[in-house]
Amino acid sequence: MKTSLATRSATWALLGVLATSLLAGCGDDAGSDGSGSQGSGGPSVVAAFYPLAFVAERVAGGDASVENLTQPGGEPHDLELGISQTVALQDADVVVVESGFQPAVDDAVATLGGGEVVDAADVVDLHAVAHAEEEEHAEENHADEDHADHDHGELDPHFWQDPLLLADVADAVADALGAADPDHADAYAANADALRTDLEELDAELTAGLADCERSTVVVSHDAFGYLTRYGLTFEPIAGLSPDAEPTPAGLAELQDLARREGITTVFSERLASPAMADTLASDLGIETAVLDPIEGLSDETADEDYLSLMRENLAALQKANGC
């Protein structure tokens, strides 16, 4: 059943009251700031999902605490906030989100207020959806299904696949933290600069590593990799922007023809979503499957890794599949 914005807003208003009561009852627990990370005594940051939390943690260093609203293993599109997450969001000094990506977070930010909001959708220039016509056609074919919570409009939200855009978000987070905590503003700026250096190195590796490939077309499970086209690749998704979207029979037939025509060796599935569609297509074609991580969140398997290491794993997988 679809939930109206008015109903959601009323729900969040109630949660806000409950959260305030919960805070009043908890008092100051020894050694805990309620952030889900080690308390620093400095400002608190709440990030909506993993790439934003990665940036926030790098920029914060040891001078601020960071909580990720989307727990490891959780699918960020489907996030529903509980009381403790609502408390953290309401009390945060800085909130890092991407509007349009997680409807529950958008509703909570609009209803609860809270600290300074850094909206990645305002910081970076989001690209138009590469397969907009296919996405619109798929939505028409599933008009009776509840896909409203995954409607990204005509813009592709997966900007963090471009490391340089993620660096821009880091600068914005540093500015917001510096305003909330002027005593450590220089440290936040220096941390953002160090992260930018790491991200520029990653960008150079992607540019060099994908510069000379036998094939440039990549078949993926959902349309989460459009920002990697800057490195000379073309991505053909089985589904649309949402990992739970269903492909059409005509779309699958077109992908099979394309894969045979261009000598595709691999169909990529991803973590945090079912590999069934990718496995079926690869089986029908008699080719391999592999994982290309959209890095929307961490999983049990990747709990000890980070954005940089996962992007480098993706690079290696693309090089192997495309003969680079």
Protein backbone atom coordinates (compact mmCIF):
# COMPACT_ATOMS: atom_id res chain seq x y z
CA MET A 1 0.00 0.00 0.00
CA LYS A 2 1.34 3.41 -0.90
CA THR A 3 1.82 5.91 1.94
CA SER A 4 1.02 9.57 1.34
CA LEU A 5 3.49 12.29 2.24
CA ALA A 6 0.99 13.73 4.73
CA THR A 7 0.71 10.38 6.50
CA ARG A 8 4.46 9.97 6.55
CA SER A 9 4.91 13.47 7.92
CA ALA A 10 2.44 12.80 10.71
CA THR A 11 4.28 9.59 11.53
CA TRP A 12 7.59 11.38 11.69
CA ALA A 13 6.13 14.10 13.88
CA LEU A 14 5.02 11.40 16.34
CA LEU A 15 8.43 9.76 16.19
CA GLY A 16 9.99 13.13 16.93
CA VAL A 17 7.96 13.41 20.12
CA LEU A 18 8.86 9.88 21.10
CA ALA A 19 12.52 10.53 20.33
CA THR A 20 12.55 13.65 22.50
CA SER A 21 11.01 11.70 25.35
CA LEU A 22 13.54 8.93 24.89
CA LEU A 23 16.40 11.39 25.08
CA ALA A 24 15.01 12.98 28.21
CA GLY A 25 14.72 9.60 29.86
CA CYS A 26 18.17 8.39 28.87
CA GLY A 27 20.21 11.23 30.26
CA ASP A 28 23.98 11.06 29.84
CA ASP A 29 25.01 7.42 29.52
CA ALA A 30 28.62 6.87 30.47
CA GLY A 31 30.89 7.04 27.45
CA SER A 32 28.08 7.08 24.88
CA ASP A 33 26.88 9.84 22.60
CA GLY A 34 24.16 7.77 20.93
CA SER A 35 25.91 8.02 17.56
CA GLY A 36 26.73 4.36 17.07
CA SER A 37 30.43 5.24 16.82
CA GLN A 38 33.05 6.15 19.37
CA GLY A 39 32.15 9.41 21.08
CA SER A 40 34.53 12.30 20.45
CA GLY A 41 32.96 14.98 22.61
CA GLY A 42 32.68 17.02 19.43
CA PRO A 43 29.83 17.49 16.96
CA SER A 44 27.74 14.55 15.83
CA VAL A 45 27.22 13.67 12.18
CA VAL A 46 24.49 11.44 10.76
CA ALA A 47 25.00 10.07 7.25
CA ALA A 48 22.18 8.45 5.32
CA PHE A 49 24.08 5.57 3.68
CA TYR A 50 27.57 4.17 3.24
CA PRO A 51 29.38 6.39 0.68
CA LEU A 52 28.24 9.46 2.59
CA ALA A 53 29.28 7.87 5.90
CA PHE A 54 32.70 7.01 4.46
CA VAL A 55 33.22 10.64 3.51
CA ALA A 56 31.92 11.91 6.85
CA GLU A 57 34.20 9.59 8.82
CA ARG A 58 37.27 10.60 6.83
CA VAL A 59 36.51 14.30 7.22
CA ALA A 60 35.55 14.03 10.90
CA GLY A 61 38.75 12.26 11.89
CA GLY A 62 38.83 12.05 15.68
CA ASP A 63 37.05 15.35 16.27
CA ALA A 64 33.44 14.33 15.52
CA SER A 65 31.32 11.19 15.75
CA VAL A 66 29.54 9.69 12.75
CA GLU A 67 26.49 7.42 12.55
CA ASN A 68 25.38 5.66 9.38
CA LEU A 69 21.58 5.33 9.26
CA THR A 70 21.84 2.33 6.90
CA GLN A 71 23.34 -0.61 8.75
CA PRO A 72 25.75 -3.04 7.03
CA GLY A 73 23.79 -5.51 4.93
CA GLY A 74 20.83 -3.16 4.60
CA GLU A 75 19.55 -2.04 1.21
CA PRO A 76 19.61 1.78 1.41
CA HIS A 77 16.64 2.25 -0.93
CA ASP A 78 14.44 0.31 1.49
CA LEU A 79 15.55 2.03 4.69
CA GLU A 80 12.87 2.65 7.31
CA LEU A 81 13.99 4.60 10.36
CA GLY A 82 13.52 3.29 13.88
CA ILE A 83 13.32 5.31 17.09
CA SER A 84 17.08 5.31 17.79
CA GLN A 85 17.85 6.45 14.24
CA THR A 86 15.24 9.19 14.54
CA VAL A 87 16.83 10.34 17.80
CA ALA A 88 20.26 10.50 16.17
CA LEU A 89 18.90 12.39 13.16
CA GLN A 90 17.05 14.91 15.30
CA ASP A 91 20.07 15.61 17.51
CA ALA A 92 22.80 15.63 14.85
CA ASP A 93 24.87 18.76 14.31
CA VAL A 94 25.42 17.82 10.65
CA VAL A 95 23.22 15.57 8.49
CA VAL A 96 24.60 14.21 5.21
CA VAL A 97 21.97 12.94 2.75
CA GLU A 98 21.15 12.66 -0.92
CA SER A 99 17.62 13.86 -1.49
CA GLY A 100 15.56 11.65 -3.78
CA PHE A 101 17.50 8.48 -2.94
CA GLN A 102 15.87 7.43 0.35
CA PRO A 103 12.28 8.65 0.76
CA ALA A 104 12.13 7.78 4.48
CA VAL A 105 15.20 9.93 5.17
CA ASP A 106 13.84 12.79 3.06
CA ASP A 107 10.59 12.75 5.04
CA ALA A 108 12.40 12.66 8.38
CA VAL A 109 14.75 15.52 7.50
CA ALA A 110 11.82 17.66 6.37
CA THR A 111 9.78 16.89 9.48
CA LEU A 112 12.31 16.74 12.29
CA GLY A 113 14.63 19.57 11.36
CA GLY A 114 17.91 19.07 13.19
CA GLY A 115 21.39 20.25 12.29
CA GLU A 116 23.02 21.59 9.15
CA VAL A 117 22.01 19.47 6.14
CA VAL A 118 24.57 18.65 3.48
CA ASP A 119 22.59 17.38 0.49
CA ALA A 120 24.83 15.66 -2.04
CA ALA A 121 22.20 16.31 -4.71
CA ASP A 122 22.84 20.03 -4.23
CA VAL A 123 26.63 19.68 -4.08
CA VAL A 124 27.26 17.69 -7.28
CA ASP A 125 25.74 17.87 -10.73
CA LEU A 126 23.76 14.64 -11.04
CA HIS A 127 23.71 13.08 -14.49
CA ALA A 128 20.58 12.33 -16.47
CA VAL A 129 19.57 8.68 -16.43
CA ALA A 130 21.37 6.94 -19.29
CA HIS A 131 18.44 4.59 -19.98
CA ALA A 132 15.58 7.00 -19.26
CA GLU A 133 13.29 5.67 -21.99
CA GLU A 134 13.71 2.07 -20.85
CA GLU A 135 13.11 3.13 -17.24
CA GLU A 136 9.91 4.94 -18.18
CA HIS A 137 8.70 1.95 -20.19
CA ALA A 138 9.38 -0.40 -17.28
CA GLU A 139 7.45 1.86 -14.92
CA GLU A 140 4.46 1.88 -17.29
CA ASN A 141 4.51 -1.92 -17.43
CA HIS A 142 4.45 -2.08 -13.62
CA ALA A 143 2.02 0.76 -12.95
CA ASP A 144 0.01 -1.37 -10.55
CA GLU A 145 3.02 -2.24 -8.41
CA ASP A 146 4.35 -0.12 -5.57
CA HIS A 147 7.67 1.16 -6.94
CA ALA A 148 7.04 4.72 -5.75
CA ASP A 149 9.72 4.49 -3.06
CA HIS A 150 12.32 3.77 -5.73
CA ASP A 151 11.39 6.56 -8.14
CA HIS A 152 14.59 8.51 -8.74
CA GLY A 153 13.05 10.75 -11.41
CA GLU A 154 15.26 11.51 -14.41
CA LEU A 155 18.55 11.89 -12.51
CA ASP A 156 20.97 9.10 -11.67
CA PRO A 157 21.75 9.27 -7.93
CA HIS A 158 24.81 6.98 -7.97
CA PHE A 159 27.32 9.85 -8.23
CA TRP A 160 29.88 8.23 -5.89
CA GLN A 161 30.98 5.97 -8.74
CA ASP A 162 32.93 9.06 -9.84
CA PRO A 163 35.59 9.60 -7.14
CA LEU A 164 36.01 13.27 -8.00
CA LEU A 165 32.34 13.97 -7.29
CA LEU A 166 32.68 12.24 -3.93
CA ALA A 167 35.61 14.58 -3.18
CA ASP A 168 33.29 17.54 -3.76
CA VAL A 169 30.92 16.17 -1.12
CA ALA A 170 33.85 15.83 1.27
CA ASP A 171 34.59 19.54 0.88
CA ALA A 172 30.97 20.38 1.67
CA VAL A 173 31.01 18.17 4.77
CA ALA A 174 34.22 19.87 5.92
CA ASP A 175 32.57 23.28 5.55
CA ALA A 176 29.52 22.17 7.55
CA LEU A 177 31.62 20.61 10.32
CA GLY A 178 33.84 23.67 10.44
CA ALA A 179 30.79 25.86 10.97
CA ALA A 180 29.51 23.56 13.73
CA ASP A 181 32.94 23.24 15.38
CA PRO A 182 35.13 26.27 14.49
CA ASP A 183 37.94 25.14 16.80
CA HIS A 184 38.61 22.18 14.48
CA ALA A 185 37.71 23.77 11.15
CA ASP A 186 41.30 23.60 9.91
CA ALA A 187 41.50 19.90 10.78
CA TYR A 188 38.30 19.13 8.92
CA ALA A 189 39.55 21.02 5.86
CA ALA A 190 42.88 19.17 5.99
CA ASN A 191 41.09 15.82 6.27
CA ALA A 192 38.98 16.67 3.24
CA ASP A 193 42.10 17.62 1.30
CA ALA A 194 43.75 14.30 2.22
CA LEU A 195 40.66 12.41 1.10
CA ARG A 196 40.61 14.34 -2.18
CA THR A 197 44.21 13.25 -2.77
CA ASP A 198 43.23 9.60 -2.25
CA LEU A 199 40.22 9.98 -4.55
CA GLU A 200 42.30 11.67 -7.26
CA GLU A 201 44.75 8.75 -7.10
CA LEU A 202 41.84 6.34 -7.52
CA ASP A 203 40.56 8.37 -10.46
CA ALA A 204 43.99 8.14 -12.11
CA GLU A 205 44.02 4.36 -11.59
CA LEU A 206 40.59 4.00 -13.18
CA THR A 207 41.60 6.18 -16.12
CA ALA A 208 44.79 4.23 -16.80
CA GLY A 209 43.34 0.80 -16.01
CA LEU A 210 40.38 1.13 -18.38
CA ALA A 211 42.14 2.99 -21.17
CA ASP A 212 42.93 -0.01 -23.39
CA CYS A 213 40.24 -2.70 -23.33
CA GLU A 214 39.09 -5.23 -25.90
CA ARG A 215 35.46 -4.41 -25.07
CA SER A 216 33.80 -1.34 -23.64
CA THR A 217 30.29 -2.71 -22.97
CA VAL A 218 29.45 -4.06 -19.51
CA VAL A 219 26.24 -5.92 -18.60
CA VAL A 220 25.18 -5.23 -15.02
CA SER A 221 22.22 -6.19 -12.86
CA HIS A 222 20.92 -2.65 -12.32
CA ASP A 223 21.69 0.82 -13.59
CA ALA A 224 24.06 1.94 -10.83
CA PHE A 225 27.27 2.51 -12.77
CA GLY A 226 26.47 5.31 -15.20
CA TYR A 227 29.09 7.64 -13.74
CA LEU A 228 31.83 5.21 -14.78
CA THR A 229 31.13 6.02 -18.41
CA ARG A 230 33.66 8.82 -17.96
CA TYR A 231 36.28 6.09 -18.22
CA GLY A 232 35.15 4.96 -21.66
CA LEU A 233 32.70 2.22 -20.64
CA THR A 234 29.09 1.63 -21.64
CA PHE A 235 26.77 -0.09 -19.17
CA GLU A 236 23.76 -2.16 -20.16
CA PRO A 237 21.56 -2.91 -17.12
CA ILE A 238 19.23 -5.89 -16.80
CA ALA A 239 16.95 -3.81 -14.56
CA GLY A 240 16.57 -0.06 -14.18
CA LEU A 241 17.83 2.26 -11.45
CA SER A 242 16.20 0.19 -8.71
CA PRO A 243 17.75 -3.21 -7.93
CA ASP A 244 14.31 -4.79 -7.43
CA ALA A 245 12.93 -3.67 -10.81
CA GLU A 246 11.82 -6.41 -13.18
CA PRO A 247 13.25 -6.54 -16.73
CA THR A 248 10.93 -6.95 -19.67
CA PRO A 249 11.19 -10.03 -21.94
CA ALA A 250 12.00 -7.74 -24.87
CA GLY A 251 14.76 -6.10 -22.86
CA LEU A 252 16.27 -9.45 -21.97
CA ALA A 253 16.19 -10.55 -25.60
CA GLU A 254 17.99 -7.38 -26.62
CA LEU A 255 20.65 -7.96 -23.97
CA GLN A 256 21.20 -11.51 -25.19
CA ASP A 257 21.66 -10.29 -28.76
CA LEU A 258 24.05 -7.56 -27.63
CA ALA A 259 26.11 -9.94 -25.50
CA ARG A 260 26.54 -12.39 -28.38
CA ARG A 261 27.29 -9.63 -30.88
CA GLU A 262 29.94 -7.93 -28.76
CA GLY A 263 31.53 -11.02 -27.23
CA ILE A 264 30.54 -10.20 -23.66
CA THR A 265 32.26 -12.63 -21.28
CA THR A 266 30.63 -11.72 -17.97
CA VAL A 267 27.30 -10.68 -16.50
CA PHE A 268 27.74 -8.72 -13.28
CA SER A 269 25.55 -9.17 -10.23
CA GLU A 270 26.03 -7.16 -7.05
CA ARG A 271 26.05 -7.37 -3.28
CA LEU A 272 22.95 -6.48 -1.23
CA ALA A 273 20.63 -7.62 -4.04
CA SER A 274 19.59 -10.98 -5.46
CA PRO A 275 21.90 -12.32 -8.21
CA ALA A 276 19.05 -14.31 -9.78
CA MET A 277 18.56 -12.13 -12.87
CA ALA A 278 22.28 -11.98 -13.64
CA ASP A 279 22.71 -15.72 -13.03
CA THR A 280 19.81 -16.57 -15.34
CA LEU A 281 21.04 -14.33 -18.16
CA ALA A 282 24.60 -15.65 -17.88
CA SER A 283 23.37 -19.24 -17.83
CA ASP A 284 21.28 -18.68 -20.95
CA LEU A 285 24.33 -17.21 -22.70
CA GLY A 286 26.81 -19.74 -21.35
CA ILE A 287 29.11 -17.06 -19.93
CA GLU A 288 30.50 -16.17 -16.50
CA THR A 289 29.09 -14.15 -13.63
CA ALA A 290 31.03 -11.88 -11.32
CA VAL A 291 30.34 -9.20 -8.71
CA LEU A 292 30.47 -5.48 -9.45
CA ASP A 293 29.72 -3.68 -6.21
CA PRO A 294 27.68 -0.46 -6.51
CA ILE A 295 29.02 0.38 -3.01
CA GLU A 296 25.62 1.54 -1.79
CA GLY A 297 26.43 -0.17 1.50
CA LEU A 298 28.72 -2.66 3.18
CA SER A 299 27.85 -6.30 3.77
CA ASP A 300 29.15 -8.99 6.12
CA GLU A 301 31.53 -9.98 3.34
CA THR A 302 32.92 -6.45 2.93
CA ALA A 303 32.74 -5.24 6.53
CA ASP A 304 36.53 -4.86 6.73
CA GLU A 305 36.81 -2.95 3.45
CA ASP A 306 36.08 0.63 2.48
CA TYR A 307 35.06 2.67 -0.55
CA LEU A 308 38.61 2.85 -1.92
CA SER A 309 39.31 -0.88 -1.70
CA LEU A 310 35.91 -1.79 -3.16
CA MET A 311 36.38 0.58 -6.09
CA ARG A 312 39.75 -1.04 -6.79
CA GLU A 313 38.12 -4.48 -6.69
CA ASN A 314 35.57 -3.23 -9.20
CA LEU A 315 38.40 -1.99 -11.42
CA ALA A 316 40.07 -5.41 -11.36
CA ALA A 317 36.76 -7.13 -12.19
CA LEU A 318 36.11 -4.79 -15.12
CA GLN A 319 39.63 -5.26 -16.45
CA LYS A 320 39.25 -9.05 -16.38
CA ALA A 321 35.80 -9.05 -17.99
CA ASN A 322 36.66 -6.57 -20.72
CA GLY A 323 40.16 -7.68 -21.58
CA CYS A 324 41.91 -4.52 -20.40
